Protein backbone atom coordinates (compact mmCIF):
# COMPACT_ATOMS: atom_id res chain seq x y z
CA MET A 1 -12.17 94.50 48.03
CA THR A 2 -13.63 95.00 44.50
CA VAL A 3 -17.30 94.82 44.40
CA ALA A 4 -19.33 93.42 41.11
CA THR A 5 -21.12 96.01 38.78
CA LEU A 6 -24.78 94.02 38.98
CA ILE A 7 -26.37 96.38 36.59
CA ARG A 8 -25.35 97.96 33.53
CA THR A 9 -26.97 99.85 30.26
CA PHE A 10 -25.16 99.57 26.85
CA THR A 11 -24.75 102.45 24.54
CA GLU A 12 -25.49 101.10 20.94
CA THR A 13 -22.37 101.42 19.95
CA GLU A 14 -21.33 98.65 22.74
CA SER A 15 -24.62 96.65 22.00
CA SER A 16 -26.68 96.85 19.33
CA ALA A 17 -28.98 93.69 20.26
CA ILE A 18 -28.88 94.59 24.41
CA ASN A 19 -29.51 97.50 26.07
CA THR A 20 -29.53 96.46 29.80
CA LEU A 21 -27.83 93.67 31.92
CA ASN A 22 -29.71 93.23 35.69
CA LEU A 23 -27.78 90.90 37.38
CA ALA A 24 -28.72 92.08 41.14
CA THR A 25 -30.89 89.54 42.03
CA LEU A 26 -28.63 86.39 40.26
CA PRO A 27 -29.55 83.69 39.08
CA MET A 28 -31.83 86.07 37.75
CA VAL A 29 -31.07 87.85 35.51
CA GLN A 30 -33.35 91.14 33.73
CA ILE A 31 -32.40 92.39 30.11
CA SER A 32 -33.45 94.85 28.61
CA TYR A 33 -32.86 95.50 24.24
CA GLN A 34 -32.13 98.76 22.25
CA SER A 35 -35.13 97.39 20.24
CA ASN A 36 -37.31 98.13 23.09
CA PRO A 37 -35.59 98.84 26.12
CA ASP A 38 -39.27 99.65 28.57
CA LYS A 39 -39.69 96.06 27.88
CA VAL A 40 -37.77 93.92 30.56
CA TYR A 41 -37.46 89.89 30.21
CA THR A 42 -36.38 87.61 32.87
CA TYR A 43 -34.10 84.63 32.81
CA GLU A 44 -32.37 82.22 35.27
CA ALA A 45 -28.90 81.74 34.14
CA ALA A 46 -26.61 78.75 34.73
CA PRO A 47 -24.14 79.56 37.43
CA ASP A 48 -21.18 79.32 35.13
CA PHE A 49 -23.09 81.77 32.94
CA SER A 50 -23.32 83.94 35.80
CA ASP A 51 -20.02 84.14 36.70
CA LEU A 52 -19.58 85.23 32.78
CA LEU A 53 -22.04 87.62 32.82
CA VAL A 54 -20.51 88.98 36.53
CA GLU A 55 -17.31 89.14 34.60
CA MET A 56 -18.49 90.81 31.03
CA ILE A 57 -20.57 93.91 32.22
CA SER A 58 -18.09 94.44 34.69
CA THR A 59 -15.15 94.71 31.86
CA GLU A 60 -15.03 98.64 30.84
CA ASP A 61 -13.62 97.41 27.00
CA LEU A 62 -15.54 95.01 26.03
CA GLU A 63 -12.46 93.27 23.72
CA GLY A 64 -14.02 92.79 21.09
CA GLN A 65 -17.31 90.09 22.99
CA SER A 66 -20.80 90.84 21.74
CA VAL A 67 -22.70 91.64 24.61
CA GLY A 68 -25.64 90.60 21.70
CA SER A 69 -24.25 87.50 20.42
CA THR A 70 -23.36 85.97 23.96
CA VAL A 71 -26.86 86.00 25.33
CA ALA A 72 -28.42 84.71 21.80
CA ARG A 73 -26.10 82.21 22.11
CA ALA A 74 -27.12 81.25 26.40
CA ILE A 75 -30.89 81.25 25.29
CA ARG A 76 -30.39 78.73 22.51
CA SER A 77 -27.71 76.02 24.80
CA GLY A 78 -30.00 76.57 27.39
CA ASP A 79 -27.49 78.60 29.83
CA LEU A 80 -30.58 81.62 29.95
CA LYS A 81 -33.85 79.69 29.77
CA GLU A 82 -36.57 82.55 29.70
CA VAL A 83 -39.48 83.24 32.76
CA GLN A 84 -42.33 84.09 32.83
CA VAL A 85 -42.95 86.81 35.23
């Protein structure tokens, strides 16, 4: 049985925008950005997007996928909705 990674910290080489993705409490997603890694934003993820995020952070090699662009598109499209905590 394979256990999915639920928290991943990215180096600036892996993502110039995203510092940490925490999926431990899906559908709630916690994101910190490279520009201010101490500030954590909480989003509610659509089910299909949750699956994509789990797959993305479980992959060693992102194969040209931009984590920051993926998150930004999801926020614009409503697949990630910010939750005020």
